[in-house]
Structure formats: structure tokens, C-alpha cells
Amino acid sequence: MQTLLLFAHTFWKDSKVNKALLQSAESLPHLTIHNLSTTYQDGNINTQTEIALLQKADKIFFQFPLFWFSTPALMKEWQDRVLTGILYSDNPKLLQGKKFGIITTAYGEKSSYDGHHGYNIHTLLSPINHSFGYLGCDVQEAFCIFSANVNTLPTQEYLAKLKD
């Protein structure tokens, strides 16, 4: 089973937590890590290349740090370009039956995302999940790493999520 991990980080060069997570996942078999931040430093996403990567995958993960309750801008651009490209292509059912999940890191504590500020973590991530569900993916529960700190990362749980 092929897994595609699509990753983006607005401040990739300064990342500690996500760099450590990605490094821990590099040795997993059947996993392709696709770092949008290094691939598209100019912001110009190659839709056909991205669709070809999706076509090979059985499972797709978005991984990103949660900034201002959303994805990094590059990941949103990816969604706009690639998902729209799929929807209006000759094969709009390309993602049908593939598994999709979100892995996100947040600097804040879990209680910051429990809804007492108006929205919980599942509500914040719902537009992404809905987009992939709309295109036929089997949407999995998100894996959120709260109070993200490089010294206390739940690496084994992270790797298990990628292997699911």
C-alpha cells in the first residue's frame, strides 16, 4: 500500500518539530514524503506532477503546522490548483476510495482547541476533510500533536498513524 505524505510549512527553514517528524518517517517503506515547501519555493505548483503522485497513492496525508487555525498558504494553493484540476479533469473520480488523513502540529495546548474559543480542532480541519471526502476519499480521524515540542514528540504514535 503506497502512502503519500504531502507536507508544507510557512517557516520550513526554522522548523524543529516537523523536521524531526519527517526525519523519523523517512525510513518507512512504501511512504513518499513530498515537501511542498522545498519543491515549490516559487509557489508555482505543477498540477500534473501532483496528480501523478496522487494517482500512485492508496493513502494520502496532509501534514502541516496549524497557523492561525488553518494550513500554510502553499498547502491551500495546492488544494485550489490540484483538487480543482482533478474535479474538472477527465478522471474526477481519481481519489475515489483512497484514504485521507491530516497530521498537524500546534504549539498550543489541547485545551486551546476544545471549542471554548468558538471552534474545536475538528471544526477547524473540517473544510480540508470535506474537500477530500467530496472527491471520494475515505476520510480518517486527524492526528493532532498539541504543545508541540521537539523534546516530547509522540514519534511512535506518529509513525503508527502513517502505517495505518
C-alpha atoms as a PDB file:
ATOM      1  CA  MET A   1       0.000   0.000   0.000  1.00  0.00           C
ATOM      2  CA  GLN A   2       1.555   3.303  -1.129  1.00  0.00           C
ATOM      3  CA  THR A   3       1.298   6.289   1.201  1.00  0.00           C
ATOM      4  CA  LEU A   4       1.837   9.886   0.103  1.00  0.00           C
ATOM      5  CA  LEU A   5       2.649  12.451   2.780  1.00  0.00           C
ATOM      6  CA  LEU A   6       2.088  15.975   1.474  1.00  0.00           C
ATOM      7  CA  PHE A   7       3.822  18.473   3.720  1.00  0.00           C
ATOM      8  CA  ALA A   8       4.014  22.258   3.892  1.00  0.00           C
ATOM      9  CA  HIS A   9       5.389  24.734   6.431  1.00  0.00           C
ATOM     10  CA  THR A  10       5.466  28.508   6.052  1.00  0.00           C
ATOM     11  CA  PHE A  11       8.684  28.715   8.085  1.00  0.00           C
ATOM     12  CA  TRP A  12      10.290  25.447   6.942  1.00  0.00           C
ATOM     13  CA  LYS A  13      13.892  26.613   7.421  1.00  0.00           C
ATOM     14  CA  ASP A  14      13.226  27.264  11.116  1.00  0.00           C
ATOM     15  CA  SER A  15      11.164  24.143  11.744  1.00  0.00           C
ATOM     16  CA  LYS A  16      12.263  21.834  14.507  1.00  0.00           C
ATOM     17  CA  VAL A  17       9.178  19.763  15.304  1.00  0.00           C
ATOM     18  CA  ASN A  18       8.081  18.937  11.761  1.00  0.00           C
ATOM     19  CA  LYS A  19      11.649  18.377  10.566  1.00  0.00           C
ATOM     20  CA  ALA A  20      12.104  15.829  13.367  1.00  0.00           C
ATOM     21  CA  LEU A  21       8.811  14.127  12.484  1.00  0.00           C
ATOM     22  CA  LEU A  22       9.615  13.903   8.787  1.00  0.00           C
ATOM     23  CA  GLN A  23      13.104  12.621   9.527  1.00  0.00           C
ATOM     24  CA  SER A  24      11.644   9.861  11.705  1.00  0.00           C
ATOM     25  CA  ALA A  25       9.346   8.818   8.839  1.00  0.00           C
ATOM     26  CA  GLU A  26      11.992   8.708   6.112  1.00  0.00           C
ATOM     27  CA  SER A  27      12.762   5.027   6.656  1.00  0.00           C
ATOM     28  CA  LEU A  28       9.158   3.823   6.437  1.00  0.00           C
ATOM     29  CA  PRO A  29       8.608   1.528   3.467  1.00  0.00           C
ATOM     30  CA  HIS A  30       6.004   2.488   0.884  1.00  0.00           C
ATOM     31  CA  LEU A  31       5.997   6.138   2.056  1.00  0.00           C
ATOM     32  CA  THR A  32       6.681   9.081  -0.226  1.00  0.00           C
ATOM     33  CA  ILE A  33       7.339  12.346   1.595  1.00  0.00           C
ATOM     34  CA  HIS A  34       6.562  15.276  -0.675  1.00  0.00           C
ATOM     35  CA  ASN A  35       7.665  18.568   0.849  1.00  0.00           C
ATOM     36  CA  LEU A  36       5.786  21.307  -0.978  1.00  0.00           C
ATOM     37  CA  SER A  37       7.875  23.957   0.804  1.00  0.00           C
ATOM     38  CA  THR A  38      11.094  22.770  -0.820  1.00  0.00           C
ATOM     39  CA  THR A  39       9.583  21.613  -4.122  1.00  0.00           C
ATOM     40  CA  TYR A  40       7.683  24.833  -4.818  1.00  0.00           C
ATOM     41  CA  GLN A  41       9.771  27.584  -3.271  1.00  0.00           C
ATOM     42  CA  ASP A  42       8.490  29.858  -6.027  1.00  0.00           C
ATOM     43  CA  GLY A  43       4.857  28.935  -5.270  1.00  0.00           C
ATOM     44  CA  ASN A  44       4.212  27.649  -8.804  1.00  0.00           C
ATOM     45  CA  ILE A  45       2.574  24.265  -8.347  1.00  0.00           C
ATOM     46  CA  ASN A  46       2.786  21.760 -11.190  1.00  0.00           C
ATOM     47  CA  THR A  47      -0.726  20.320 -11.169  1.00  0.00           C
ATOM     48  CA  GLN A  48       0.059  17.399 -13.483  1.00  0.00           C
ATOM     49  CA  THR A  49       3.024  16.286 -11.361  1.00  0.00           C
ATOM     50  CA  GLU A  50       0.875  16.434  -8.235  1.00  0.00           C
ATOM     51  CA  ILE A  51      -1.972  14.488  -9.830  1.00  0.00           C
ATOM     52  CA  ALA A  52       0.515  11.800 -10.915  1.00  0.00           C
ATOM     53  CA  LEU A  53       1.707  11.457  -7.299  1.00  0.00           C
ATOM     54  CA  LEU A  54      -1.872  11.177  -6.053  1.00  0.00           C
ATOM     55  CA  GLN A  55      -2.668   8.573  -8.673  1.00  0.00           C
ATOM     56  CA  LYS A  56       0.038   6.230  -7.277  1.00  0.00           C
ATOM     57  CA  ALA A  57      -1.090   6.605  -3.650  1.00  0.00           C
ATOM     58  CA  ASP A  58      -3.537   4.450  -1.730  1.00  0.00           C
ATOM     59  CA  LYS A  59      -3.319   6.691   1.334  1.00  0.00           C
ATOM     60  CA  ILE A  60      -2.800  10.453   1.404  1.00  0.00           C
ATOM     61  CA  PHE A  61      -1.813  12.535   4.404  1.00  0.00           C
ATOM     62  CA  PHE A  62      -1.600  16.287   4.739  1.00  0.00           C
ATOM     63  CA  GLN A  63       0.962  17.278   7.363  1.00  0.00           C
ATOM     64  CA  PHE A  64       1.402  20.859   8.451  1.00  0.00           C
ATOM     65  CA  PRO A  65       1.761  23.100  11.473  1.00  0.00           C
ATOM     66  CA  LEU A  66      -1.501  24.794  12.328  1.00  0.00           C
ATOM     67  CA  PHE A  67      -1.022  28.558  11.938  1.00  0.00           C
ATOM     68  CA  TRP A  68      -3.899  30.910  12.526  1.00  0.00           C
ATOM     69  CA  PHE A  69      -6.328  27.970  12.592  1.00  0.00           C
ATOM     70  CA  SER A  70      -5.504  26.835   9.057  1.00  0.00           C
ATOM     71  CA  THR A  71      -2.968  25.348   6.672  1.00  0.00           C
ATOM     72  CA  PRO A  72       0.110  27.149   5.375  1.00  0.00           C
ATOM     73  CA  ALA A  73      -0.719  29.262   2.305  1.00  0.00           C
ATOM     74  CA  LEU A  74       1.191  26.942  -0.038  1.00  0.00           C
ATOM     75  CA  MET A  75      -0.933  23.984   1.024  1.00  0.00           C
ATOM     76  CA  LYS A  76      -4.105  25.985   0.394  1.00  0.00           C
ATOM     77  CA  GLU A  77      -2.753  26.918  -3.045  1.00  0.00           C
ATOM     78  CA  TRP A  78      -2.063  23.227  -3.638  1.00  0.00           C
ATOM     79  CA  GLN A  79      -5.679  22.414  -2.753  1.00  0.00           C
ATOM     80  CA  ASP A  80      -7.033  25.108  -5.051  1.00  0.00           C
ATOM     81  CA  ARG A  81      -4.888  24.050  -8.015  1.00  0.00           C
ATOM     82  CA  VAL A  82      -4.732  20.272  -7.663  1.00  0.00           C
ATOM     83  CA  LEU A  83      -8.169  19.410  -6.309  1.00  0.00           C
ATOM     84  CA  THR A  84      -9.817  21.724  -8.821  1.00  0.00           C
ATOM     85  CA  GLY A  85      -7.670  20.138 -11.534  1.00  0.00           C
ATOM     86  CA  ILE A  86      -8.941  16.703 -10.520  1.00  0.00           C
ATOM     87  CA  LEU A  87     -12.585  17.760 -10.287  1.00  0.00           C
ATOM     88  CA  TYR A  88     -12.593  19.195 -13.809  1.00  0.00           C
ATOM     89  CA  SER A  89     -10.390  16.536 -15.396  1.00  0.00           C
ATOM     90  CA  ASP A  90     -11.263  13.501 -17.479  1.00  0.00           C
ATOM     91  CA  ASN A  91     -10.970  11.487 -14.249  1.00  0.00           C
ATOM     92  CA  PRO A  92     -12.860  13.323 -11.466  1.00  0.00           C
ATOM     93  CA  LYS A  93     -13.062  10.049  -9.505  1.00  0.00           C
ATOM     94  CA  LEU A  94      -9.258   9.779  -9.222  1.00  0.00           C
ATOM     95  CA  LEU A  95      -9.356   9.898  -5.412  1.00  0.00           C
ATOM     96  CA  GLN A  96     -12.381   7.597  -5.031  1.00  0.00           C
ATOM     97  CA  GLY A  97     -11.747   5.054  -2.254  1.00  0.00           C
ATOM     98  CA  LYS A  98      -8.324   6.370  -1.247  1.00  0.00           C
ATOM     99  CA  LYS A  99      -7.747   7.056   2.456  1.00  0.00           C
ATOM    100  CA  PHE A 100      -7.084  10.637   3.516  1.00  0.00           C
ATOM    101  CA  GLY A 101      -5.909  11.983   6.843  1.00  0.00           C
ATOM    102  CA  ILE A 102      -4.463  15.084   8.455  1.00  0.00           C
ATOM    103  CA  ILE A 103      -1.447  15.223  10.727  1.00  0.00           C
ATOM    104  CA  THR A 104      -0.988  18.616  12.308  1.00  0.00           C
ATOM    105  CA  THR A 105       1.166  20.179  14.957  1.00  0.00           C
ATOM    106  CA  ALA A 106       0.046  23.006  17.192  1.00  0.00           C
ATOM    107  CA  TYR A 107       2.116  24.976  19.638  1.00  0.00           C
ATOM    108  CA  GLY A 108      -0.915  25.487  21.878  1.00  0.00           C
ATOM    109  CA  GLU A 109      -2.245  23.063  24.433  1.00  0.00           C
ATOM    110  CA  LYS A 110      -5.054  20.654  23.579  1.00  0.00           C
ATOM    111  CA  SER A 111      -7.433  22.716  25.725  1.00  0.00           C
ATOM    112  CA  SER A 112      -6.888  25.665  23.356  1.00  0.00           C
ATOM    113  CA  TYR A 113      -8.650  23.649  20.651  1.00  0.00           C
ATOM    114  CA  ASP A 114     -11.560  22.238  22.681  1.00  0.00           C
ATOM    115  CA  GLY A 115     -14.098  24.740  21.367  1.00  0.00           C
ATOM    116  CA  HIS A 116     -14.136  27.242  24.205  1.00  0.00           C
ATOM    117  CA  HIS A 117     -12.844  29.900  21.790  1.00  0.00           C
ATOM    118  CA  GLY A 118     -15.661  29.066  19.368  1.00  0.00           C
ATOM    119  CA  TYR A 119     -14.298  26.157  17.322  1.00  0.00           C
ATOM    120  CA  ASN A 120     -12.685  22.856  18.187  1.00  0.00           C
ATOM    121  CA  ILE A 121      -9.864  21.220  16.214  1.00  0.00           C
ATOM    122  CA  HIS A 122     -12.254  19.013  14.222  1.00  0.00           C
ATOM    123  CA  THR A 123     -14.280  22.041  13.109  1.00  0.00           C
ATOM    124  CA  LEU A 124     -11.115  23.892  12.089  1.00  0.00           C
ATOM    125  CA  LEU A 125      -9.965  20.964   9.950  1.00  0.00           C
ATOM    126  CA  SER A 126     -13.393  20.172   8.510  1.00  0.00           C
ATOM    127  CA  PRO A 127     -13.040  22.175   5.240  1.00  0.00           C
ATOM    128  CA  ILE A 128      -9.976  20.115   4.295  1.00  0.00           C
ATOM    129  CA  ASN A 129     -11.637  16.838   5.232  1.00  0.00           C
ATOM    130  CA  HIS A 130     -14.812  17.810   3.415  1.00  0.00           C
ATOM    131  CA  SER A 131     -12.878  18.639   0.234  1.00  0.00           C
ATOM    132  CA  PHE A 132     -11.242  15.223   0.127  1.00  0.00           C
ATOM    133  CA  GLY A 133     -14.478  13.498   1.120  1.00  0.00           C
ATOM    134  CA  TYR A 134     -16.268  15.334  -1.680  1.00  0.00           C
ATOM    135  CA  LEU A 135     -13.778  13.841  -4.127  1.00  0.00           C
ATOM    136  CA  GLY A 136     -14.469  10.337  -2.804  1.00  0.00           C
ATOM    137  CA  CYS A 137     -11.783   9.786  -0.204  1.00  0.00           C
ATOM    138  CA  ASP A 138     -12.354   7.795   2.941  1.00  0.00           C
ATOM    139  CA  VAL A 139     -11.515  10.497   5.496  1.00  0.00           C
ATOM    140  CA  GLN A 140      -9.687   9.296   8.624  1.00  0.00           C
ATOM    141  CA  GLU A 141      -9.587  10.952  12.027  1.00  0.00           C
ATOM    142  CA  ALA A 142      -6.954  13.682  12.283  1.00  0.00           C
ATOM    143  CA  PHE A 143      -3.807  13.156  14.347  1.00  0.00           C
ATOM    144  CA  CYS A 144      -3.018  16.364  16.221  1.00  0.00           C
ATOM    145  CA  ILE A 145       0.160  16.943  18.187  1.00  0.00           C
ATOM    146  CA  PHE A 146      -0.602  19.674  20.714  1.00  0.00           C
ATOM    147  CA  SER A 147       2.013  21.606  22.715  1.00  0.00           C
ATOM    148  CA  ALA A 148       4.416  20.510  20.002  1.00  0.00           C
ATOM    149  CA  ASN A 149       7.948  20.359  21.317  1.00  0.00           C
ATOM    150  CA  VAL A 150      10.860  18.578  19.684  1.00  0.00           C
ATOM    151  CA  ASN A 151      11.863  17.038  23.024  1.00  0.00           C
ATOM    152  CA  THR A 152       8.487  15.410  23.713  1.00  0.00           C
ATOM    153  CA  LEU A 153       7.242  14.291  20.321  1.00  0.00           C
ATOM    154  CA  PRO A 154       4.950  11.242  20.181  1.00  0.00           C
ATOM    155  CA  THR A 155       7.104   9.751  17.434  1.00  0.00           C
ATOM    156  CA  GLN A 156       5.862   6.171  17.782  1.00  0.00           C
ATOM    157  CA  GLU A 157       2.208   7.264  17.565  1.00  0.00           C
ATOM    158  CA  TYR A 158       3.059   9.447  14.567  1.00  0.00           C
ATOM    159  CA  LEU A 159       4.755   6.571  12.741  1.00  0.00           C
ATOM    160  CA  ALA A 160       1.880   4.235  13.612  1.00  0.00           C
ATOM    161  CA  LYS A 161      -0.571   6.713  12.080  1.00  0.00           C
ATOM    162  CA  LEU A 162       1.429   6.735   8.852  1.00  0.00           C
ATOM    163  CA  LYS A 163       1.437   2.926   8.809  1.00  0.00           C
ATOM    164  CA  ASP A 164      -2.333   2.548   9.481  1.00  0.00           C
END
